[in-house]
């Protein structure tokens, strides 16, 4: 693993960087697949938003200075899903899509009021036991049909619902 500690910015430096340049992120859609490789379930983190509403989210986080994208993806999967989730990082680092988050609503379907961010999005099969991060309440597995329902999509702020639908379409599971 690449040493990334020197890449951390203190809160003031991060705020300054976010105000001046796009920040690179990785996002992962955790999935369970059957023996033929077909997606059977999608894992979404359950949390409480700043306004007290129930939210669902994908695995997401910044790529640190001098950190490989592959290492960032693995780090965030382990942080969000636990050390024994056993993610299968894709052999190709080509994302299924690139999401551009803007602090201004309406520029793209993706919104992050803190910053302009560019996110490489991956679909990652996991085979192990997932235990969600401390600030998530739970990890819930949905069938593709359940995950694409308006009820679930509406609980995903910032455009994550759009990203989830793109992932489902990418694997041929959008109903």
N, C-alpha and C. Protein backbone atom coordinates (compact mmCIF):
# COMPACT_ATOMS: atom_id res chain seq x y z
N UNK A 1 0.85 -1.17 0.00
CA UNK A 1 0.00 0.00 0.00
C UNK A 1 0.89 1.24 0.00
N UNK A 2 0.54 2.21 -0.80
CA UNK A 2 1.27 3.46 -0.86
C UNK A 2 1.04 4.26 0.41
N UNK A 3 2.09 4.84 0.94
CA UNK A 3 1.97 5.70 2.13
C UNK A 3 1.29 6.99 1.70
N UNK A 4 0.13 7.27 2.28
CA UNK A 4 -0.65 8.45 1.88
C UNK A 4 -0.77 9.51 2.97
N UNK A 5 -0.20 9.25 4.13
CA UNK A 5 -0.33 10.21 5.23
C UNK A 5 0.14 11.61 4.86
N UNK A 6 1.26 11.77 4.13
CA UNK A 6 1.66 13.13 3.77
C UNK A 6 0.67 13.81 2.83
N UNK A 7 -0.23 13.03 2.21
CA UNK A 7 -1.19 13.60 1.27
C UNK A 7 -2.40 14.23 1.92
N UNK A 8 -2.60 14.03 3.21
CA UNK A 8 -3.75 14.58 3.88
C UNK A 8 -3.60 16.09 4.02
N UNK A 9 -4.67 16.79 3.78
CA UNK A 9 -4.71 18.23 3.99
C UNK A 9 -5.41 18.50 5.30
N UNK A 10 -4.95 19.52 6.02
CA UNK A 10 -5.70 19.88 7.22
C UNK A 10 -7.00 20.55 6.76
N UNK A 11 -7.98 20.72 7.65
CA UNK A 11 -9.29 21.25 7.22
C UNK A 11 -9.22 22.59 6.50
N UNK A 12 -8.35 23.49 6.94
CA UNK A 12 -8.25 24.79 6.28
C UNK A 12 -7.67 24.66 4.87
N UNK A 13 -6.65 23.80 4.71
CA UNK A 13 -6.06 23.57 3.40
C UNK A 13 -7.05 22.91 2.45
N UNK A 14 -7.84 21.97 2.96
CA UNK A 14 -8.83 21.30 2.14
C UNK A 14 -9.90 22.27 1.67
N UNK A 15 -10.36 23.13 2.57
CA UNK A 15 -11.37 24.13 2.19
C UNK A 15 -10.83 25.06 1.11
N UNK A 16 -9.57 25.48 1.24
CA UNK A 16 -8.95 26.35 0.23
C UNK A 16 -8.82 25.62 -1.10
N UNK A 17 -8.39 24.36 -1.08
CA UNK A 17 -8.26 23.59 -2.31
C UNK A 17 -9.62 23.40 -2.98
N UNK A 18 -10.64 23.08 -2.18
CA UNK A 18 -11.99 22.87 -2.73
C UNK A 18 -12.51 24.15 -3.39
N UNK A 19 -12.12 25.29 -2.90
CA UNK A 19 -12.58 26.56 -3.46
C UNK A 19 -11.86 26.92 -4.76
N UNK A 20 -10.74 26.27 -5.04
CA UNK A 20 -9.92 26.69 -6.18
C UNK A 20 -9.78 25.68 -7.30
N UNK A 21 -10.05 24.39 -7.02
CA UNK A 21 -9.84 23.40 -8.07
C UNK A 21 -10.73 22.19 -7.85
N UNK A 22 -11.00 21.45 -8.93
CA UNK A 22 -11.76 20.21 -8.76
C UNK A 22 -10.95 19.19 -7.93
N UNK A 23 -11.65 18.41 -7.15
CA UNK A 23 -11.04 17.38 -6.33
C UNK A 23 -11.41 16.03 -6.94
N UNK A 24 -10.45 15.11 -7.02
CA UNK A 24 -10.69 13.79 -7.59
C UNK A 24 -11.21 12.83 -6.53
N UNK A 25 -12.30 12.15 -6.87
CA UNK A 25 -12.93 11.15 -6.00
C UNK A 25 -13.03 9.82 -6.74
N UNK A 26 -13.24 8.77 -5.96
CA UNK A 26 -13.68 7.48 -6.50
C UNK A 26 -15.00 7.14 -5.82
N UNK A 27 -15.87 6.48 -6.57
CA UNK A 27 -17.13 6.00 -6.01
C UNK A 27 -17.28 4.55 -6.43
N UNK A 28 -17.84 3.76 -5.53
CA UNK A 28 -18.03 2.34 -5.82
C UNK A 28 -19.46 1.94 -5.53
N UNK A 29 -20.01 1.15 -6.43
CA UNK A 29 -21.31 0.54 -6.24
C UNK A 29 -21.02 -0.91 -5.85
N UNK A 30 -21.15 -1.25 -4.56
CA UNK A 30 -20.88 -2.63 -4.15
C UNK A 30 -22.01 -3.55 -4.63
N UNK A 31 -21.63 -4.68 -5.21
CA UNK A 31 -22.63 -5.62 -5.73
C UNK A 31 -22.28 -7.04 -5.31
N UNK A 32 -23.30 -7.87 -5.29
CA UNK A 32 -23.15 -9.32 -5.16
C UNK A 32 -23.49 -9.89 -6.53
N UNK A 33 -22.71 -10.87 -6.97
CA UNK A 33 -22.96 -11.49 -8.26
C UNK A 33 -23.14 -12.99 -8.08
N UNK A 34 -23.88 -13.60 -9.02
CA UNK A 34 -24.05 -15.05 -8.96
C UNK A 34 -22.90 -15.73 -9.70
N UNK A 35 -22.96 -17.05 -9.83
CA UNK A 35 -21.87 -17.81 -10.45
C UNK A 35 -21.63 -17.45 -11.90
N UNK A 36 -22.65 -16.92 -12.57
CA UNK A 36 -22.48 -16.52 -13.97
C UNK A 36 -22.04 -15.06 -14.11
N UNK A 37 -21.84 -14.37 -12.98
CA UNK A 37 -21.38 -12.99 -13.02
C UNK A 37 -22.48 -11.96 -13.11
N UNK A 38 -23.73 -12.38 -13.02
CA UNK A 38 -24.85 -11.44 -13.10
C UNK A 38 -25.07 -10.80 -11.73
N UNK A 39 -25.30 -9.50 -11.74
CA UNK A 39 -25.54 -8.77 -10.50
C UNK A 39 -26.88 -9.20 -9.92
N UNK A 40 -26.84 -9.64 -8.65
CA UNK A 40 -28.07 -10.07 -7.97
C UNK A 40 -28.51 -9.09 -6.89
N UNK A 41 -27.55 -8.36 -6.30
CA UNK A 41 -27.86 -7.41 -5.24
C UNK A 41 -26.90 -6.22 -5.29
N UNK A 42 -27.41 -5.08 -4.83
CA UNK A 42 -26.63 -3.84 -4.75
C UNK A 42 -26.63 -3.40 -3.29
N UNK A 43 -25.45 -3.09 -2.77
CA UNK A 43 -25.34 -2.65 -1.38
C UNK A 43 -25.34 -1.14 -1.26
N UNK A 44 -26.22 -0.61 -0.44
CA UNK A 44 -26.29 0.83 -0.20
C UNK A 44 -26.13 1.11 1.28
N UNK A 45 -25.32 2.10 1.59
CA UNK A 45 -25.12 2.50 2.97
C UNK A 45 -26.31 3.32 3.44
N UNK A 46 -26.78 3.02 4.62
CA UNK A 46 -27.91 3.73 5.22
C UNK A 46 -27.36 4.70 6.24
N UNK A 47 -27.82 5.94 6.17
CA UNK A 47 -27.36 6.95 7.12
C UNK A 47 -28.44 7.97 7.41
N UNK A 48 -28.07 8.94 8.21
CA UNK A 48 -28.96 10.05 8.53
C UNK A 48 -28.31 11.32 7.99
N UNK A 49 -29.06 12.05 7.17
CA UNK A 49 -28.54 13.29 6.59
C UNK A 49 -28.47 14.40 7.62
N UNK A 50 -27.83 15.53 7.26
CA UNK A 50 -27.69 16.66 8.17
C UNK A 50 -29.03 17.22 8.65
N UNK A 51 -30.09 17.02 7.83
CA UNK A 51 -31.41 17.52 8.20
C UNK A 51 -32.24 16.47 8.94
N UNK A 52 -31.64 15.31 9.26
CA UNK A 52 -32.32 14.28 10.01
C UNK A 52 -33.08 13.27 9.16
N UNK A 53 -33.01 13.40 7.84
CA UNK A 53 -33.71 12.46 6.97
C UNK A 53 -32.85 11.21 6.73
N UNK A 54 -33.53 10.11 6.41
CA UNK A 54 -32.84 8.88 6.06
C UNK A 54 -32.22 9.03 4.68
N UNK A 55 -30.96 8.66 4.55
CA UNK A 55 -30.29 8.73 3.26
C UNK A 55 -29.63 7.40 2.94
N UNK A 56 -29.46 7.17 1.66
CA UNK A 56 -28.71 6.01 1.18
C UNK A 56 -27.58 6.54 0.31
N UNK A 57 -26.43 5.87 0.39
CA UNK A 57 -25.29 6.35 -0.38
C UNK A 57 -24.43 5.20 -0.87
N UNK A 58 -23.54 5.56 -1.76
CA UNK A 58 -22.56 4.63 -2.30
C UNK A 58 -21.25 4.81 -1.55
N UNK A 59 -20.33 3.93 -1.75
CA UNK A 59 -18.98 4.10 -1.20
C UNK A 59 -18.33 5.24 -1.99
N UNK A 60 -17.75 6.19 -1.28
CA UNK A 60 -17.20 7.37 -1.95
C UNK A 60 -16.09 7.98 -1.12
N UNK A 61 -15.09 8.55 -1.79
CA UNK A 61 -14.05 9.26 -1.06
C UNK A 61 -12.99 9.83 -1.98
N UNK A 62 -12.19 10.72 -1.42
CA UNK A 62 -11.14 11.41 -2.17
C UNK A 62 -9.98 10.49 -2.50
N UNK A 63 -9.33 10.80 -3.62
CA UNK A 63 -8.04 10.20 -3.95
C UNK A 63 -6.99 11.13 -3.37
N UNK A 64 -6.11 10.60 -2.56
CA UNK A 64 -5.10 11.40 -1.90
C UNK A 64 -3.91 11.68 -2.81
N UNK A 65 -3.16 12.70 -2.46
CA UNK A 65 -1.93 13.03 -3.18
C UNK A 65 -1.00 11.82 -3.17
N UNK A 66 -0.51 11.46 -4.34
CA UNK A 66 0.45 10.37 -4.51
C UNK A 66 -0.16 9.00 -4.22
N UNK A 67 -1.49 8.89 -4.37
CA UNK A 67 -2.17 7.62 -4.17
C UNK A 67 -2.72 7.14 -5.51
N UNK A 68 -2.51 5.88 -5.81
CA UNK A 68 -3.06 5.31 -7.03
C UNK A 68 -4.58 5.19 -6.90
N UNK A 69 -5.28 5.31 -8.01
CA UNK A 69 -6.75 5.20 -8.01
C UNK A 69 -7.16 3.85 -7.45
N UNK A 70 -6.47 2.79 -7.85
CA UNK A 70 -6.77 1.44 -7.36
C UNK A 70 -6.66 1.38 -5.84
N UNK A 71 -5.61 2.00 -5.28
CA UNK A 71 -5.43 2.00 -3.83
C UNK A 71 -6.51 2.83 -3.13
N UNK A 72 -6.89 3.95 -3.73
CA UNK A 72 -7.96 4.78 -3.15
C UNK A 72 -9.28 4.01 -3.12
N UNK A 73 -9.56 3.31 -4.19
CA UNK A 73 -10.80 2.53 -4.27
C UNK A 73 -10.82 1.45 -3.18
N UNK A 74 -9.73 0.73 -3.04
CA UNK A 74 -9.64 -0.31 -2.01
C UNK A 74 -9.74 0.28 -0.61
N UNK A 75 -9.07 1.41 -0.38
CA UNK A 75 -9.09 2.06 0.93
C UNK A 75 -10.51 2.46 1.33
N UNK A 76 -11.24 3.05 0.41
CA UNK A 76 -12.60 3.50 0.72
C UNK A 76 -13.57 2.33 0.87
N UNK A 77 -13.39 1.28 0.08
CA UNK A 77 -14.23 0.09 0.24
C UNK A 77 -14.00 -0.54 1.61
N UNK A 78 -12.74 -0.66 2.02
CA UNK A 78 -12.45 -1.24 3.33
C UNK A 78 -12.94 -0.35 4.46
N UNK A 79 -12.80 0.97 4.28
CA UNK A 79 -13.25 1.91 5.31
C UNK A 79 -14.78 1.85 5.46
N UNK A 80 -15.49 1.83 4.34
CA UNK A 80 -16.95 1.89 4.38
C UNK A 80 -17.63 0.54 4.60
N UNK A 81 -17.02 -0.54 4.11
CA UNK A 81 -17.67 -1.85 4.19
C UNK A 81 -17.01 -2.78 5.20
N UNK A 82 -15.86 -2.41 5.72
CA UNK A 82 -15.17 -3.24 6.70
C UNK A 82 -14.02 -4.02 6.08
N UNK A 83 -13.11 -4.50 6.93
CA UNK A 83 -11.89 -5.14 6.44
C UNK A 83 -12.08 -6.53 5.84
N UNK A 84 -13.23 -7.15 6.04
CA UNK A 84 -13.45 -8.50 5.48
C UNK A 84 -14.55 -8.51 4.42
N UNK A 85 -14.79 -7.37 3.77
CA UNK A 85 -15.78 -7.30 2.69
C UNK A 85 -15.29 -8.06 1.46
N UNK A 86 -13.98 -8.20 1.32
CA UNK A 86 -13.35 -8.91 0.20
C UNK A 86 -13.80 -8.37 -1.16
N UNK A 87 -13.55 -7.07 -1.41
CA UNK A 87 -13.91 -6.50 -2.71
C UNK A 87 -13.00 -7.05 -3.81
N UNK A 88 -13.57 -7.22 -4.98
CA UNK A 88 -12.80 -7.63 -6.15
C UNK A 88 -12.61 -6.39 -7.02
N UNK A 89 -11.48 -5.73 -6.83
CA UNK A 89 -11.19 -4.51 -7.59
C UNK A 89 -11.12 -4.87 -9.07
N UNK A 90 -11.77 -4.08 -9.93
CA UNK A 90 -11.76 -4.41 -11.36
C UNK A 90 -10.34 -4.49 -11.93
N UNK A 91 -10.14 -5.43 -12.86
CA UNK A 91 -8.83 -5.58 -13.50
C UNK A 91 -8.50 -4.34 -14.33
N UNK A 92 -9.52 -3.73 -14.92
CA UNK A 92 -9.35 -2.50 -15.69
C UNK A 92 -9.78 -1.32 -14.84
N UNK A 93 -9.00 -0.27 -14.86
CA UNK A 93 -9.36 0.92 -14.08
C UNK A 93 -10.27 1.87 -14.85
N UNK A 94 -10.82 1.41 -15.95
CA UNK A 94 -11.77 2.24 -16.69
C UNK A 94 -13.09 2.27 -15.92
N UNK A 95 -13.53 3.45 -15.48
CA UNK A 95 -14.79 3.54 -14.72
C UNK A 95 -15.98 3.31 -15.65
N UNK A 96 -17.13 2.96 -15.07
CA UNK A 96 -18.32 2.83 -15.90
C UNK A 96 -18.87 4.20 -16.25
N UNK A 97 -18.52 5.22 -15.47
CA UNK A 97 -18.87 6.59 -15.80
C UNK A 97 -17.99 7.55 -15.00
N UNK A 98 -18.01 8.80 -15.41
CA UNK A 98 -17.35 9.87 -14.68
C UNK A 98 -18.45 10.85 -14.28
N UNK A 99 -18.55 11.10 -12.99
CA UNK A 99 -19.57 12.02 -12.48
C UNK A 99 -18.91 13.34 -12.12
N UNK A 100 -19.48 14.43 -12.60
CA UNK A 100 -18.95 15.76 -12.28
C UNK A 100 -19.91 16.44 -11.31
N UNK A 101 -19.44 16.64 -10.09
CA UNK A 101 -20.22 17.30 -9.04
C UNK A 101 -19.87 18.78 -9.03
N UNK A 102 -20.90 19.63 -9.00
CA UNK A 102 -20.70 21.08 -8.95
C UNK A 102 -21.37 21.64 -7.70
N UNK A 103 -20.83 22.74 -7.18
CA UNK A 103 -21.48 23.39 -6.04
C UNK A 103 -22.74 24.14 -6.45
N UNK A 104 -22.90 24.37 -7.74
CA UNK A 104 -24.08 25.06 -8.28
C UNK A 104 -25.08 24.00 -8.74
N UNK A 105 -26.30 24.07 -8.24
CA UNK A 105 -27.34 23.13 -8.66
C UNK A 105 -27.66 23.28 -10.14
N UNK A 106 -27.91 22.15 -10.81
CA UNK A 106 -28.41 22.16 -12.17
C UNK A 106 -27.37 22.11 -13.27
N UNK A 107 -26.09 22.23 -12.96
CA UNK A 107 -25.08 22.16 -14.01
C UNK A 107 -25.01 20.73 -14.55
N UNK A 108 -25.02 19.76 -13.65
CA UNK A 108 -25.13 18.33 -13.97
C UNK A 108 -26.13 17.75 -12.98
N UNK A 109 -26.48 16.49 -13.10
CA UNK A 109 -27.38 15.89 -12.09
C UNK A 109 -26.70 15.71 -10.73
N UNK A 110 -25.39 15.94 -10.68
CA UNK A 110 -24.62 15.70 -9.45
C UNK A 110 -24.31 17.01 -8.76
N UNK A 111 -24.54 17.04 -7.43
CA UNK A 111 -24.36 18.29 -6.68
C UNK A 111 -23.63 18.02 -5.37
N UNK A 112 -22.63 18.84 -5.10
CA UNK A 112 -21.92 18.83 -3.82
C UNK A 112 -21.72 20.29 -3.44
N UNK A 113 -22.43 20.79 -2.43
CA UNK A 113 -22.35 22.21 -2.11
C UNK A 113 -20.96 22.65 -1.66
N UNK A 114 -20.08 21.71 -1.29
CA UNK A 114 -18.75 22.06 -0.80
C UNK A 114 -17.75 22.35 -1.89
N UNK A 115 -17.97 21.80 -3.11
CA UNK A 115 -16.86 21.80 -4.06
C UNK A 115 -17.27 21.40 -5.47
N UNK A 116 -16.32 21.60 -6.37
CA UNK A 116 -16.38 21.01 -7.71
C UNK A 116 -15.53 19.74 -7.61
N UNK A 117 -16.15 18.59 -7.88
CA UNK A 117 -15.44 17.31 -7.77
C UNK A 117 -15.67 16.48 -9.02
N UNK A 118 -14.66 15.72 -9.38
CA UNK A 118 -14.76 14.78 -10.48
C UNK A 118 -14.59 13.40 -9.88
N UNK A 119 -15.56 12.51 -10.16
CA UNK A 119 -15.56 11.21 -9.53
C UNK A 119 -15.54 10.10 -10.57
N UNK A 120 -14.60 9.18 -10.39
CA UNK A 120 -14.53 7.98 -11.23
C UNK A 120 -15.38 6.92 -10.54
N UNK A 121 -16.36 6.37 -11.25
CA UNK A 121 -17.33 5.45 -10.63
C UNK A 121 -17.12 4.02 -11.12
N UNK A 122 -17.11 3.08 -10.17
CA UNK A 122 -16.84 1.67 -10.44
C UNK A 122 -17.93 0.80 -9.85
N UNK A 123 -18.16 -0.34 -10.49
CA UNK A 123 -19.01 -1.38 -9.94
C UNK A 123 -18.06 -2.43 -9.40
N UNK A 124 -18.19 -2.74 -8.10
CA UNK A 124 -17.23 -3.63 -7.45
C UNK A 124 -17.94 -4.79 -6.76
N UNK A 125 -17.74 -6.01 -7.26
CA UNK A 125 -18.29 -7.17 -6.56
C UNK A 125 -17.59 -7.36 -5.20
N UNK A 126 -18.37 -7.68 -4.20
CA UNK A 126 -17.82 -8.00 -2.88
C UNK A 126 -18.34 -9.39 -2.49
N UNK A 127 -17.47 -10.18 -1.88
CA UNK A 127 -17.83 -11.56 -1.56
C UNK A 127 -17.82 -11.85 -0.07
N UNK A 128 -17.28 -10.94 0.72
CA UNK A 128 -17.13 -11.21 2.15
C UNK A 128 -18.26 -10.64 2.99
N UNK A 129 -17.99 -10.60 4.28
CA UNK A 129 -18.93 -10.09 5.28
C UNK A 129 -18.75 -8.58 5.40
N UNK A 130 -19.78 -7.83 5.09
CA UNK A 130 -19.70 -6.36 5.11
C UNK A 130 -20.23 -5.83 6.44
N UNK A 131 -19.42 -5.01 7.07
CA UNK A 131 -19.82 -4.31 8.30
C UNK A 131 -19.59 -2.82 8.03
N UNK A 132 -20.69 -2.06 7.97
CA UNK A 132 -20.56 -0.66 7.54
C UNK A 132 -19.73 0.19 8.49
N UNK A 133 -19.27 1.29 7.91
CA UNK A 133 -18.45 2.24 8.66
C UNK A 133 -19.21 2.76 9.87
N UNK A 134 -18.48 3.41 10.76
CA UNK A 134 -19.07 3.85 12.02
C UNK A 134 -20.16 4.90 11.85
N UNK A 135 -20.04 5.79 10.84
CA UNK A 135 -21.04 6.84 10.71
C UNK A 135 -22.24 6.40 9.85
N UNK A 136 -22.21 5.16 9.34
CA UNK A 136 -23.38 4.61 8.64
C UNK A 136 -24.15 3.74 9.62
N UNK A 137 -25.45 3.74 9.49
CA UNK A 137 -26.27 2.92 10.37
C UNK A 137 -26.25 1.45 9.96
N UNK A 138 -26.20 1.22 8.64
CA UNK A 138 -26.28 -0.15 8.16
C UNK A 138 -25.88 -0.18 6.69
N UNK A 139 -25.67 -1.38 6.19
CA UNK A 139 -25.51 -1.63 4.76
C UNK A 139 -26.67 -2.54 4.39
N UNK A 140 -27.48 -2.10 3.44
CA UNK A 140 -28.67 -2.85 3.05
C UNK A 140 -28.47 -3.34 1.62
N UNK A 141 -28.75 -4.63 1.40
CA UNK A 141 -28.65 -5.23 0.07
C UNK A 141 -30.03 -5.22 -0.58
N UNK A 142 -30.08 -4.66 -1.79
CA UNK A 142 -31.32 -4.57 -2.56
C UNK A 142 -31.19 -5.38 -3.84
N UNK A 143 -32.29 -5.94 -4.29
CA UNK A 143 -32.31 -6.52 -5.64
C UNK A 143 -32.20 -5.34 -6.62
N UNK A 144 -31.79 -5.58 -7.85
CA UNK A 144 -31.73 -4.47 -8.81
C UNK A 144 -33.08 -3.77 -8.97
N UNK A 145 -34.18 -4.53 -8.91
CA UNK A 145 -35.51 -3.93 -9.05
C UNK A 145 -35.82 -3.02 -7.86
N UNK A 146 -35.49 -3.47 -6.66
CA UNK A 146 -35.72 -2.65 -5.46
C UNK A 146 -34.84 -1.40 -5.49
N UNK A 147 -33.57 -1.57 -5.88
CA UNK A 147 -32.62 -0.45 -5.88
C UNK A 147 -33.04 0.65 -6.86
N UNK A 148 -33.68 0.27 -7.95
CA UNK A 148 -34.07 1.27 -8.95
C UNK A 148 -35.45 1.87 -8.69
N UNK A 149 -36.08 1.49 -7.58
CA UNK A 149 -37.41 2.03 -7.27
C UNK A 149 -37.31 3.50 -6.89
N UNK A 150 -38.34 4.29 -7.19
CA UNK A 150 -38.33 5.71 -6.83
C UNK A 150 -38.13 5.94 -5.32
N UNK A 151 -38.65 5.05 -4.50
CA UNK A 151 -38.50 5.19 -3.05
C UNK A 151 -37.03 5.19 -2.64
N UNK A 152 -36.24 4.26 -3.19
CA UNK A 152 -34.82 4.17 -2.85
C UNK A 152 -34.04 5.31 -3.52
N UNK A 153 -34.30 5.55 -4.78
CA UNK A 153 -33.59 6.61 -5.52
C UNK A 153 -33.79 7.97 -4.86
N UNK A 154 -35.00 8.24 -4.37
CA UNK A 154 -35.29 9.52 -3.72
C UNK A 154 -34.54 9.70 -2.40
N UNK A 155 -34.06 8.61 -1.80
CA UNK A 155 -33.30 8.71 -0.55
C UNK A 155 -31.80 8.93 -0.79
N UNK A 156 -31.42 9.10 -2.06
CA UNK A 156 -30.00 9.26 -2.40
C UNK A 156 -29.72 10.70 -2.84
N UNK A 157 -29.16 11.51 -1.94
CA UNK A 157 -28.95 12.93 -2.27
C UNK A 157 -27.75 13.15 -3.19
N UNK A 158 -27.71 14.35 -3.76
CA UNK A 158 -26.54 14.79 -4.52
C UNK A 158 -26.36 14.15 -5.87
N UNK A 159 -27.33 13.37 -6.32
CA UNK A 159 -27.20 12.72 -7.61
C UNK A 159 -26.78 11.26 -7.53
N UNK A 160 -26.59 10.74 -6.31
CA UNK A 160 -26.20 9.32 -6.18
C UNK A 160 -27.26 8.40 -6.78
N UNK A 161 -28.52 8.81 -6.76
CA UNK A 161 -29.57 8.01 -7.38
C UNK A 161 -29.37 7.90 -8.88
N UNK A 162 -28.95 8.99 -9.51
CA UNK A 162 -28.65 8.98 -10.95
C UNK A 162 -27.48 8.04 -11.22
N UNK A 163 -26.46 8.13 -10.38
CA UNK A 163 -25.29 7.28 -10.53
C UNK A 163 -25.65 5.80 -10.37
N UNK A 164 -26.52 5.49 -9.41
CA UNK A 164 -26.97 4.12 -9.21
C UNK A 164 -27.71 3.62 -10.44
N UNK A 165 -28.59 4.42 -11.01
CA UNK A 165 -29.32 4.02 -12.21
C UNK A 165 -28.37 3.80 -13.38
N UNK A 166 -27.32 4.62 -13.49
CA UNK A 166 -26.33 4.43 -14.54
C UNK A 166 -25.59 3.10 -14.34
N UNK A 167 -25.28 2.77 -13.10
CA UNK A 167 -24.60 1.50 -12.79
C UNK A 167 -25.50 0.32 -13.17
N UNK A 168 -26.76 0.39 -12.79
CA UNK A 168 -27.70 -0.68 -13.13
C UNK A 168 -27.86 -0.83 -14.64
N UNK A 169 -27.91 0.27 -15.35
CA UNK A 169 -27.99 0.21 -16.81
C UNK A 169 -26.71 -0.39 -17.39
N UNK A 170 -25.57 -0.05 -16.83
CA UNK A 170 -24.28 -0.54 -17.31
C UNK A 170 -24.19 -2.07 -17.23
N UNK A 171 -24.77 -2.65 -16.17
CA UNK A 171 -24.73 -4.12 -16.02
C UNK A 171 -26.00 -4.79 -16.55
N UNK A 172 -26.84 -4.03 -17.26
CA UNK A 172 -28.03 -4.59 -17.87
C UNK A 172 -29.13 -4.96 -16.90
N UNK A 173 -29.19 -4.26 -15.75
CA UNK A 173 -30.17 -4.61 -14.71
C UNK A 173 -31.13 -3.48 -14.39
N UNK A 174 -31.24 -2.47 -15.25
CA UNK A 174 -32.20 -1.39 -15.01
C UNK A 174 -33.55 -1.82 -15.52
N UNK A 175 -34.53 -1.87 -14.63
CA UNK A 175 -35.86 -2.35 -15.04
C UNK A 175 -36.69 -1.22 -15.60
